[in-house]
Amino acid sequence: MSTDPAAFDPALPYRLAGSVSLRPEPFGALVYDYETRRLSFLKTPLLVTVVRELDRQPDVLSALDAAAVPARDRDRYLRALAGLCESGTIASRTAR
């Protein structure tokens, strides 16, 4: 387990970062961070659904359930969410 307090933990609640906006697209979504002015992409509509579910669910695993992510794809989605956390696209709701 990482000692980094910002490390991604799927047992915690997350949300889309306040400085980030999603624009739906057929492939997924454009992600724009107003603080860093960075443009990135969510490459599947299902990942967009997961990210949107984060704020409504008690933890990441519940968001995966709510979005109906198949069991065989969960590790891949967890890695994607960890990357989104590292880049600041999503943030823990418990962080101050």
PDB file of N, CA and C in Angstrom:
ATOM      1  N   MET A   1       0.836  -1.180   0.000  1.00  0.00           N
ATOM      2  CA  MET A   1       0.000   0.000   0.000  1.00  0.00           C
ATOM      3  C   MET A   1       0.882   1.244   0.000  1.00  0.00           C
ATOM      4  N   SER A   2       0.529   2.211  -0.792  1.00  0.00           N
ATOM      5  CA  SER A   2       1.305   3.438  -0.901  1.00  0.00           C
ATOM      6  C   SER A   2       1.137   4.299   0.351  1.00  0.00           C
ATOM      7  N   THR A   3       2.180   5.039   0.700  1.00  0.00           N
ATOM      8  CA  THR A   3       2.086   5.983   1.811  1.00  0.00           C
ATOM      9  C   THR A   3       1.685   7.366   1.325  1.00  0.00           C
ATOM     10  N   ASP A   4       1.546   7.556   0.036  1.00  0.00           N
ATOM     11  CA  ASP A   4       1.128   8.822  -0.551  1.00  0.00           C
ATOM     12  C   ASP A   4      -0.352   9.051  -0.234  1.00  0.00           C
ATOM     13  N   PRO A   5      -0.697  10.148   0.487  1.00  0.00           N
ATOM     14  CA  PRO A   5      -2.093  10.361   0.841  1.00  0.00           C
ATOM     15  C   PRO A   5      -2.982  10.611  -0.370  1.00  0.00           C
ATOM     16  N   ALA A   6      -2.389  10.997  -1.483  1.00  0.00           N
ATOM     17  CA  ALA A   6      -3.169  11.244  -2.696  1.00  0.00           C
ATOM     18  C   ALA A   6      -3.295   9.996  -3.564  1.00  0.00           C
ATOM     19  N   ALA A   7      -2.717   8.866  -3.125  1.00  0.00           N
ATOM     20  CA  ALA A   7      -2.767   7.640  -3.918  1.00  0.00           C
ATOM     21  C   ALA A   7      -4.217   7.182  -4.088  1.00  0.00           C
ATOM     22  N   PHE A   8      -4.502   6.659  -5.252  1.00  0.00           N
ATOM     23  CA  PHE A   8      -5.842   6.188  -5.573  1.00  0.00           C
ATOM     24  C   PHE A   8      -6.212   4.985  -4.722  1.00  0.00           C
ATOM     25  N   ASP A   9      -7.389   5.040  -4.121  1.00  0.00           N
ATOM     26  CA  ASP A   9      -7.887   3.948  -3.291  1.00  0.00           C
ATOM     27  C   ASP A   9      -9.342   3.690  -3.678  1.00  0.00           C
ATOM     28  N   PRO A  10      -9.643   2.579  -4.362  1.00  0.00           N
ATOM     29  CA  PRO A  10     -11.005   2.318  -4.817  1.00  0.00           C
ATOM     30  C   PRO A  10     -12.025   2.137  -3.696  1.00  0.00           C
ATOM     31  N   ALA A  11     -11.578   2.039  -2.461  1.00  0.00           N
ATOM     32  CA  ALA A  11     -12.505   1.923  -1.333  1.00  0.00           C
ATOM     33  C   ALA A  11     -13.012   3.293  -0.872  1.00  0.00           C
ATOM     34  N   LEU A  12     -12.451   4.369  -1.429  1.00  0.00           N
ATOM     35  CA  LEU A  12     -12.847   5.726  -1.049  1.00  0.00           C
ATOM     36  C   LEU A  12     -13.817   6.334  -2.065  1.00  0.00           C
ATOM     37  N   PRO A  13     -14.540   7.376  -1.638  1.00  0.00           N
ATOM     38  CA  PRO A  13     -15.414   8.090  -2.571  1.00  0.00           C
ATOM     39  C   PRO A  13     -14.610   9.112  -3.396  1.00  0.00           C
ATOM     40  N   TYR A  14     -14.940   9.219  -4.666  1.00  0.00           N
ATOM     41  CA  TYR A  14     -14.274  10.162  -5.577  1.00  0.00           C
ATOM     42  C   TYR A  14     -15.328  10.988  -6.294  1.00  0.00           C
ATOM     43  N   ARG A  15     -14.846  12.014  -6.987  1.00  0.00           N
ATOM     44  CA  ARG A  15     -15.706  12.886  -7.787  1.00  0.00           C
ATOM     45  C   ARG A  15     -14.868  13.474  -8.911  1.00  0.00           C
ATOM     46  N   LEU A  16     -15.537  14.017  -9.895  1.00  0.00           N
ATOM     47  CA  LEU A  16     -14.858  14.781 -10.927  1.00  0.00           C
ATOM     48  C   LEU A  16     -14.280  16.017 -10.257  1.00  0.00           C
ATOM     49  N   ALA A  17     -13.043  16.355 -10.539  1.00  0.00           N
ATOM     50  CA  ALA A  17     -12.426  17.532  -9.927  1.00  0.00           C
ATOM     51  C   ALA A  17     -13.225  18.785 -10.281  1.00  0.00           C
ATOM     52  N   GLY A  18     -13.281  19.721  -9.365  1.00  0.00           N
ATOM     53  CA  GLY A  18     -14.066  20.935  -9.564  1.00  0.00           C
ATOM     54  C   GLY A  18     -13.631  21.788 -10.739  1.00  0.00           C
ATOM     55  N   SER A  19     -12.380  21.696 -11.129  1.00  0.00           N
ATOM     56  CA  SER A  19     -11.865  22.503 -12.234  1.00  0.00           C
ATOM     57  C   SER A  19     -12.017  21.803 -13.586  1.00  0.00           C
ATOM     58  N   VAL A  20     -12.637  20.626 -13.579  1.00  0.00           N
ATOM     59  CA  VAL A  20     -12.709  19.803 -14.791  1.00  0.00           C
ATOM     60  C   VAL A  20     -14.125  19.768 -15.342  1.00  0.00           C
ATOM     61  N   SER A  21     -14.200  19.832 -16.650  1.00  0.00           N
ATOM     62  CA  SER A  21     -15.477  19.746 -17.350  1.00  0.00           C
ATOM     63  C   SER A  21     -15.403  18.611 -18.380  1.00  0.00           C
ATOM     64  N   LEU A  22     -16.528  17.898 -18.535  1.00  0.00           N
ATOM     65  CA  LEU A  22     -16.624  16.832 -19.545  1.00  0.00           C
ATOM     66  C   LEU A  22     -17.558  17.282 -20.658  1.00  0.00           C
ATOM     67  N   ARG A  23     -17.152  17.047 -21.880  1.00  0.00           N
ATOM     68  CA  ARG A  23     -18.036  17.278 -23.020  1.00  0.00           C
ATOM     69  C   ARG A  23     -18.244  15.939 -23.713  1.00  0.00           C
ATOM     70  N   PRO A  24     -19.470  15.405 -23.654  1.00  0.00           N
ATOM     71  CA  PRO A  24     -19.736  14.104 -24.273  1.00  0.00           C
ATOM     72  C   PRO A  24     -19.436  14.116 -25.778  1.00  0.00           C
ATOM     73  N   GLU A  25     -18.880  13.033 -26.238  1.00  0.00           N
ATOM     74  CA  GLU A  25     -18.566  12.808 -27.652  1.00  0.00           C
ATOM     75  C   GLU A  25     -18.924  11.358 -27.965  1.00  0.00           C
ATOM     76  N   PRO A  26     -19.102  11.016 -29.233  1.00  0.00           N
ATOM     77  CA  PRO A  26     -19.447   9.628 -29.580  1.00  0.00           C
ATOM     78  C   PRO A  26     -18.420   8.603 -29.074  1.00  0.00           C
ATOM     79  N   PHE A  27     -17.157   8.978 -28.997  1.00  0.00           N
ATOM     80  CA  PHE A  27     -16.111   8.046 -28.556  1.00  0.00           C
ATOM     81  C   PHE A  27     -16.004   7.973 -27.039  1.00  0.00           C
ATOM     82  N   GLY A  28     -16.587   8.930 -26.313  1.00  0.00           N
ATOM     83  CA  GLY A  28     -16.460   9.027 -24.858  1.00  0.00           C
ATOM     84  C   GLY A  28     -16.697  10.457 -24.425  1.00  0.00           C
ATOM     85  N   ALA A  29     -15.591  11.194 -24.149  1.00  0.00           N
ATOM     86  CA  ALA A  29     -15.742  12.600 -23.757  1.00  0.00           C
ATOM     87  C   ALA A  29     -14.418  13.336 -23.881  1.00  0.00           C
ATOM     88  N   LEU A  30     -14.528  14.631 -24.150  1.00  0.00           N
ATOM     89  CA  LEU A  30     -13.387  15.532 -24.027  1.00  0.00           C
ATOM     90  C   LEU A  30     -13.352  15.990 -22.579  1.00  0.00           C
ATOM     91  N   VAL A  31     -12.167  16.059 -22.022  1.00  0.00           N
ATOM     92  CA  VAL A  31     -11.972  16.477 -20.636  1.00  0.00           C
ATOM     93  C   VAL A  31     -11.131  17.745 -20.669  1.00  0.00           C
ATOM     94  N   TYR A  32     -11.660  18.811 -20.085  1.00  0.00           N
ATOM     95  CA  TYR A  32     -10.902  20.062 -20.043  1.00  0.00           C
ATOM     96  C   TYR A  32     -10.741  20.505 -18.605  1.00  0.00           C
ATOM     97  N   ASP A  33      -9.492  20.772 -18.214  1.00  0.00           N
ATOM     98  CA  ASP A  33      -9.195  21.272 -16.879  1.00  0.00           C
ATOM     99  C   ASP A  33      -8.944  22.772 -16.985  1.00  0.00           C
ATOM    100  N   TYR A  34      -9.811  23.559 -16.372  1.00  0.00           N
ATOM    101  CA  TYR A  34      -9.722  25.008 -16.445  1.00  0.00           C
ATOM    102  C   TYR A  34      -8.525  25.577 -15.688  1.00  0.00           C
ATOM    103  N   GLU A  35      -8.000  24.845 -14.722  1.00  0.00           N
ATOM    104  CA  GLU A  35      -6.818  25.318 -13.995  1.00  0.00           C
ATOM    105  C   GLU A  35      -5.539  25.117 -14.794  1.00  0.00           C
ATOM    106  N   THR A  36      -5.375  23.916 -15.338  1.00  0.00           N
ATOM    107  CA  THR A  36      -4.135  23.602 -16.060  1.00  0.00           C
ATOM    108  C   THR A  36      -4.244  23.870 -17.560  1.00  0.00           C
ATOM    109  N   ARG A  37      -5.481  24.085 -18.025  1.00  0.00           N
ATOM    110  CA  ARG A  37      -5.776  24.267 -19.459  1.00  0.00           C
ATOM    111  C   ARG A  37      -5.426  23.030 -20.282  1.00  0.00           C
ATOM    112  N   ARG A  38      -5.410  21.886 -19.605  1.00  0.00           N
ATOM    113  CA  ARG A  38      -5.085  20.625 -20.271  1.00  0.00           C
ATOM    114  C   ARG A  38      -6.350  20.003 -20.839  1.00  0.00           C
ATOM    115  N   LEU A  39      -6.255  19.555 -22.075  1.00  0.00           N
ATOM    116  CA  LEU A  39      -7.331  18.840 -22.753  1.00  0.00           C
ATOM    117  C   LEU A  39      -6.925  17.378 -22.843  1.00  0.00           C
ATOM    118  N   SER A  40      -7.823  16.498 -22.433  1.00  0.00           N
ATOM    119  CA  SER A  40      -7.570  15.058 -22.562  1.00  0.00           C
ATOM    120  C   SER A  40      -8.873  14.381 -22.955  1.00  0.00           C
ATOM    121  N   PHE A  41      -8.870  13.067 -22.969  1.00  0.00           N
ATOM    122  CA  PHE A  41     -10.011  12.319 -23.474  1.00  0.00           C
ATOM    123  C   PHE A  41     -10.358  11.155 -22.561  1.00  0.00           C
ATOM    124  N   LEU A  42     -11.642  10.864 -22.454  1.00  0.00           N
ATOM    125  CA  LEU A  42     -12.105   9.590 -21.910  1.00  0.00           C
ATOM    126  C   LEU A  42     -12.494   8.798 -23.140  1.00  0.00           C
ATOM    127  N   LYS A  43     -11.857   7.667 -23.332  1.00  0.00           N
ATOM    128  CA  LYS A  43     -11.918   6.982 -24.620  1.00  0.00           C
ATOM    129  C   LYS A  43     -13.077   6.028 -24.822  1.00  0.00           C
ATOM    130  N   THR A  44     -13.928   5.849 -23.800  1.00  0.00           N
ATOM    131  CA  THR A  44     -15.110   5.001 -23.990  1.00  0.00           C
ATOM    132  C   THR A  44     -16.305   5.623 -23.272  1.00  0.00           C
ATOM    133  N   PRO A  45     -17.498   5.458 -23.845  1.00  0.00           N
ATOM    134  CA  PRO A  45     -18.700   5.951 -23.155  1.00  0.00           C
ATOM    135  C   PRO A  45     -18.883   5.314 -21.776  1.00  0.00           C
ATOM    136  N   LEU A  46     -18.468   4.058 -21.603  1.00  0.00           N
ATOM    137  CA  LEU A  46     -18.612   3.402 -20.308  1.00  0.00           C
ATOM    138  C   LEU A  46     -17.722   4.071 -19.252  1.00  0.00           C
ATOM    139  N   LEU A  47     -16.524   4.492 -19.631  1.00  0.00           N
ATOM    140  CA  LEU A  47     -15.661   5.200 -18.686  1.00  0.00           C
ATOM    141  C   LEU A  47     -16.289   6.527 -18.287  1.00  0.00           C
ATOM    142  N   VAL A  48     -16.937   7.196 -19.216  1.00  0.00           N
ATOM    143  CA  VAL A  48     -17.653   8.437 -18.900  1.00  0.00           C
ATOM    144  C   VAL A  48     -18.744   8.146 -17.870  1.00  0.00           C
ATOM    145  N   THR A  49     -19.481   7.075 -18.074  1.00  0.00           N
ATOM    146  CA  THR A  49     -20.533   6.691 -17.128  1.00  0.00           C
ATOM    147  C   THR A  49     -19.948   6.430 -15.748  1.00  0.00           C
ATOM    148  N   VAL A  50     -18.834   5.722 -15.687  1.00  0.00           N
ATOM    149  CA  VAL A  50     -18.182   5.441 -14.401  1.00  0.00           C
ATOM    150  C   VAL A  50     -17.790   6.748 -13.716  1.00  0.00           C
ATOM    151  N   VAL A  51     -17.155   7.648 -14.450  1.00  0.00           N
ATOM    152  CA  VAL A  51     -16.719   8.928 -13.871  1.00  0.00           C
ATOM    153  C   VAL A  51     -17.918   9.720 -13.355  1.00  0.00           C
ATOM    154  N   ARG A  52     -19.009   9.716 -14.095  1.00  0.00           N
ATOM    155  CA  ARG A  52     -20.213  10.438 -13.656  1.00  0.00           C
ATOM    156  C   ARG A  52     -20.842   9.771 -12.420  1.00  0.00           C
ATOM    157  N   GLU A  53     -20.718   8.460 -12.325  1.00  0.00           N
ATOM    158  CA  GLU A  53     -21.265   7.731 -11.166  1.00  0.00           C
ATOM    159  C   GLU A  53     -20.458   7.951  -9.889  1.00  0.00           C
ATOM    160  N   LEU A  54     -19.203   8.336 -10.016  1.00  0.00           N
ATOM    161  CA  LEU A  54     -18.352   8.470  -8.834  1.00  0.00           C
ATOM    162  C   LEU A  54     -18.974   9.364  -7.770  1.00  0.00           C
ATOM    163  N   ASP A  55     -19.550  10.479  -8.165  1.00  0.00           N
ATOM    164  CA  ASP A  55     -20.109  11.423  -7.203  1.00  0.00           C
ATOM    165  C   ASP A  55     -21.386  10.910  -6.541  1.00  0.00           C
ATOM    166  N   ARG A  56     -22.028   9.936  -7.162  1.00  0.00           N
ATOM    167  CA  ARG A  56     -23.299   9.410  -6.637  1.00  0.00           C
ATOM    168  C   ARG A  56     -23.141   8.152  -5.795  1.00  0.00           C
ATOM    169  N   GLN A  57     -21.946   7.600  -5.778  1.00  0.00           N
ATOM    170  CA  GLN A  57     -21.725   6.307  -5.124  1.00  0.00           C
ATOM    171  C   GLN A  57     -20.802   6.460  -3.914  1.00  0.00           C
ATOM    172  N   PRO A  58     -20.885   5.533  -2.967  1.00  0.00           N
ATOM    173  CA  PRO A  58     -20.063   5.639  -1.750  1.00  0.00           C
ATOM    174  C   PRO A  58     -18.580   5.325  -1.972  1.00  0.00           C
ATOM    175  N   ASP A  59     -18.247   4.664  -3.081  1.00  0.00           N
ATOM    176  CA  ASP A  59     -16.851   4.342  -3.374  1.00  0.00           C
ATOM    177  C   ASP A  59     -16.725   3.977  -4.849  1.00  0.00           C
ATOM    178  N   VAL A  60     -15.506   3.789  -5.282  1.00  0.00           N
ATOM    179  CA  VAL A  60     -15.230   3.497  -6.694  1.00  0.00           C
ATOM    180  C   VAL A  60     -15.841   2.161  -7.119  1.00  0.00           C
ATOM    181  N   LEU A  61     -15.729   1.148  -6.273  1.00  0.00           N
ATOM    182  CA  LEU A  61     -16.259  -0.164  -6.644  1.00  0.00           C
ATOM    183  C   LEU A  61     -17.769  -0.112  -6.856  1.00  0.00           C
ATOM    184  N   SER A  62     -18.456   0.677  -6.052  1.00  0.00           N
ATOM    185  CA  SER A  62     -19.900   0.861  -6.241  1.00  0.00           C
ATOM    186  C   SER A  62     -20.193   1.599  -7.546  1.00  0.00           C
ATOM    187  N   ALA A  63     -19.330   2.528  -7.916  1.00  0.00           N
ATOM    188  CA  ALA A  63     -19.496   3.233  -9.192  1.00  0.00           C
ATOM    189  C   ALA A  63     -19.331   2.261 -10.363  1.00  0.00           C
ATOM    190  N   LEU A  64     -18.377   1.341 -10.255  1.00  0.00           N
ATOM    191  CA  LEU A  64     -18.205   0.328 -11.303  1.00  0.00           C
ATOM    192  C   LEU A  64     -19.446  -0.550 -11.396  1.00  0.00           C
ATOM    193  N   ASP A  65     -20.008  -0.928 -10.245  1.00  0.00           N
ATOM    194  CA  ASP A  65     -21.241  -1.718 -10.222  1.00  0.00           C
ATOM    195  C   ASP A  65     -22.392  -0.944 -10.864  1.00  0.00           C
ATOM    196  N   ALA A  66     -22.556   0.311 -10.469  1.00  0.00           N
ATOM    197  CA  ALA A  66     -23.658   1.131 -10.978  1.00  0.00           C
ATOM    198  C   ALA A  66     -23.563   1.339 -12.489  1.00  0.00           C
ATOM    199  N   ALA A  67     -22.339   1.395 -13.003  1.00  0.00           N
ATOM    200  CA  ALA A  67     -22.129   1.580 -14.439  1.00  0.00           C
ATOM    201  C   ALA A  67     -22.162   0.257 -15.196  1.00  0.00           C
ATOM    202  N   ALA A  68     -22.299  -0.856 -14.478  1.00  0.00           N
ATOM    203  CA  ALA A  68     -22.354  -2.199 -15.072  1.00  0.00           C
ATOM    204  C   ALA A  68     -21.078  -2.550 -15.847  1.00  0.00           C
ATOM    205  N   VAL A  69     -19.918  -2.218 -15.235  1.00  0.00           N
ATOM    206  CA  VAL A  69     -18.635  -2.599 -15.832  1.00  0.00           C
ATOM    207  C   VAL A  69     -18.468  -4.101 -15.650  1.00  0.00           C
ATOM    208  N   PRO A  70     -18.256  -4.847 -16.742  1.00  0.00           N
ATOM    209  CA  PRO A  70     -18.090  -6.301 -16.631  1.00  0.00           C
ATOM    210  C   PRO A  70     -16.899  -6.674 -15.741  1.00  0.00           C
ATOM    211  N   ALA A  71     -17.031  -7.744 -15.004  1.00  0.00           N
ATOM    212  CA  ALA A  71     -15.981  -8.200 -14.086  1.00  0.00           C
ATOM    213  C   ALA A  71     -14.638  -8.338 -14.798  1.00  0.00           C
ATOM    214  N   ARG A  72     -14.645  -8.828 -16.011  1.00  0.00           N
ATOM    215  CA  ARG A  72     -13.384  -9.037 -16.746  1.00  0.00           C
ATOM    216  C   ARG A  72     -12.661  -7.729 -17.080  1.00  0.00           C
ATOM    217  N   ASP A  73     -13.386  -6.596 -17.043  1.00  0.00           N
ATOM    218  CA  ASP A  73     -12.804  -5.295 -17.394  1.00  0.00           C
ATOM    219  C   ASP A  73     -12.472  -4.431 -16.185  1.00  0.00           C
ATOM    220  N   ARG A  74     -12.791  -4.890 -14.987  1.00  0.00           N
ATOM    221  CA  ARG A  74     -12.650  -4.037 -13.799  1.00  0.00           C
ATOM    222  C   ARG A  74     -11.215  -3.593 -13.542  1.00  0.00           C
ATOM    223  N   ASP A  75     -10.252  -4.483 -13.683  1.00  0.00           N
ATOM    224  CA  ASP A  75      -8.861  -4.073 -13.453  1.00  0.00           C
ATOM    225  C   ASP A  75      -8.449  -2.963 -14.415  1.00  0.00           C
ATOM    226  N   ARG A  76      -8.863  -3.081 -15.658  1.00  0.00           N
ATOM    227  CA  ARG A  76      -8.534  -2.057 -16.656  1.00  0.00           C
ATOM    228  C   ARG A  76      -9.166  -0.713 -16.284  1.00  0.00           C
ATOM    229  N   TYR A  77     -10.405  -0.747 -15.815  1.00  0.00           N
ATOM    230  CA  TYR A  77     -11.078   0.491 -15.411  1.00  0.00           C
ATOM    231  C   TYR A  77     -10.462   1.069 -14.147  1.00  0.00           C
ATOM    232  N   LEU A  78     -10.059   0.227 -13.223  1.00  0.00           N
ATOM    233  CA  LEU A  78      -9.387   0.714 -12.018  1.00  0.00           C
ATOM    234  C   LEU A  78      -8.062   1.383 -12.366  1.00  0.00           C
ATOM    235  N   ARG A  79      -7.315   0.813 -13.316  1.00  0.00           N
ATOM    236  CA  ARG A  79      -6.062   1.447 -13.754  1.00  0.00           C
ATOM    237  C   ARG A  79      -6.348   2.791 -14.420  1.00  0.00           C
ATOM    238  N   ALA A  80      -7.404   2.852 -15.232  1.00  0.00           N
ATOM    239  CA  ALA A  80      -7.766   4.112 -15.885  1.00  0.00           C
ATOM    240  C   ALA A  80      -8.149   5.163 -14.842  1.00  0.00           C
ATOM    241  N   LEU A  81      -8.929   4.763 -13.844  1.00  0.00           N
ATOM    242  CA  LEU A  81      -9.332   5.699 -12.794  1.00  0.00           C
ATOM    243  C   LEU A  81      -8.133   6.147 -11.960  1.00  0.00           C
ATOM    244  N   ALA A  82      -7.197   5.253 -11.703  1.00  0.00           N
ATOM    245  CA  ALA A  82      -5.977   5.636 -10.980  1.00  0.00           C
ATOM    246  C   ALA A  82      -5.212   6.692 -11.774  1.00  0.00           C
ATOM    247  N   GLY A  83      -5.153   6.525 -13.081  1.00  0.00           N
ATOM    248  CA  GLY A  83      -4.495   7.519 -13.932  1.00  0.00           C
ATOM    249  C   GLY A  83      -5.230   8.857 -13.911  1.00  0.00           C
ATOM    250  N   LEU A  84      -6.566   8.800 -13.901  1.00  0.00           N
ATOM    251  CA  LEU A  84      -7.359  10.033 -13.829  1.00  0.00           C
ATOM    252  C   LEU A  84      -7.146  10.730 -12.487  1.00  0.00           C
ATOM    253  N   CYS A  85      -6.968   9.954 -11.440  1.00  0.00           N
ATOM    254  CA  CYS A  85      -6.686  10.527 -10.121  1.00  0.00           C
ATOM    255  C   CYS A  85      -5.300  11.175 -10.120  1.00  0.00           C
ATOM    256  N   GLU A  86      -4.326  10.478 -10.650  1.00  0.00           N
ATOM    257  CA  GLU A  86      -2.952  11.002 -10.701  1.00  0.00           C
ATOM    258  C   GLU A  86      -2.880  12.304 -11.497  1.00  0.00           C
ATOM    259  N   SER A  87      -3.672  12.394 -12.564  1.00  0.00           N
ATOM    260  CA  SER A  87      -3.640  13.594 -13.398  1.00  0.00           C
ATOM    261  C   SER A  87      -4.505  14.732 -12.858  1.00  0.00           C
ATOM    262  N   GLY A  88      -5.294  14.437 -11.809  1.00  0.00           N
ATOM    263  CA  GLY A  88      -6.134  15.474 -11.218  1.00  0.00           C
ATOM    264  C   GLY A  88      -7.524  15.592 -11.843  1.00  0.00           C
ATOM    265  N   THR A  89      -7.874  14.669 -12.732  1.00  0.00           N
ATOM    266  CA  THR A  89      -9.192  14.706 -13.354  1.00  0.00           C
ATOM    267  C   THR A  89     -10.275  14.321 -12.357  1.00  0.00           C
ATOM    268  N   ILE A  90      -9.981  13.336 -11.520  1.00  0.00           N
ATOM    269  CA  ILE A  90     -10.881  12.985 -10.422  1.00  0.00           C
ATOM    270  C   ILE A  90     -10.129  13.206  -9.115  1.00  0.00           C
ATOM    271  N   ALA A  91     -10.899  13.402  -8.042  1.00  0.00           N
ATOM    272  CA  ALA A  91     -10.292  13.644  -6.732  1.00  0.00           C
ATOM    273  C   ALA A  91     -11.103  12.937  -5.670  1.00  0.00           C
ATOM    274  N   SER A  92     -10.443  12.574  -4.604  1.00  0.00           N
ATOM    275  CA  SER A  92     -11.124  11.966  -3.467  1.00  0.00           C
ATOM    276  C   SER A  92     -12.074  12.976  -2.849  1.00  0.00           C
ATOM    277  N   ARG A  93     -13.266  12.511  -2.496  1.00  0.00           N
ATOM    278  CA  ARG A  93     -14.208  13.388  -1.803  1.00  0.00           C
ATOM    279  C   ARG A  93     -13.831  13.574  -0.347  1.00  0.00           C
ATOM    280  N   THR A  94     -12.873  12.771   0.147  1.00  0.00           N
ATOM    281  CA  THR A  94     -12.451  12.910   1.536  1.00  0.00           C
ATOM    282  C   THR A  94     -11.264  13.851   1.670  1.00  0.00           C
ATOM    283  N   ALA A  95     -10.621  14.217   0.559  1.00  0.00           N
ATOM    284  CA  ALA A  95      -9.460  15.117   0.594  1.00  0.00           C
ATOM    285  C   ALA A  95      -9.910  16.543   0.896  1.00  0.00           C
ATOM    286  N   ARG A  96      -9.083  17.254   1.576  1.00  0.00           N
ATOM    287  CA  ARG A  96      -9.380  18.653   1.908  1.00  0.00           C
ATOM    288  C   ARG A  96      -8.571  19.574   1.053  1.00  0.00           C
TER     289      ARG A  96
END
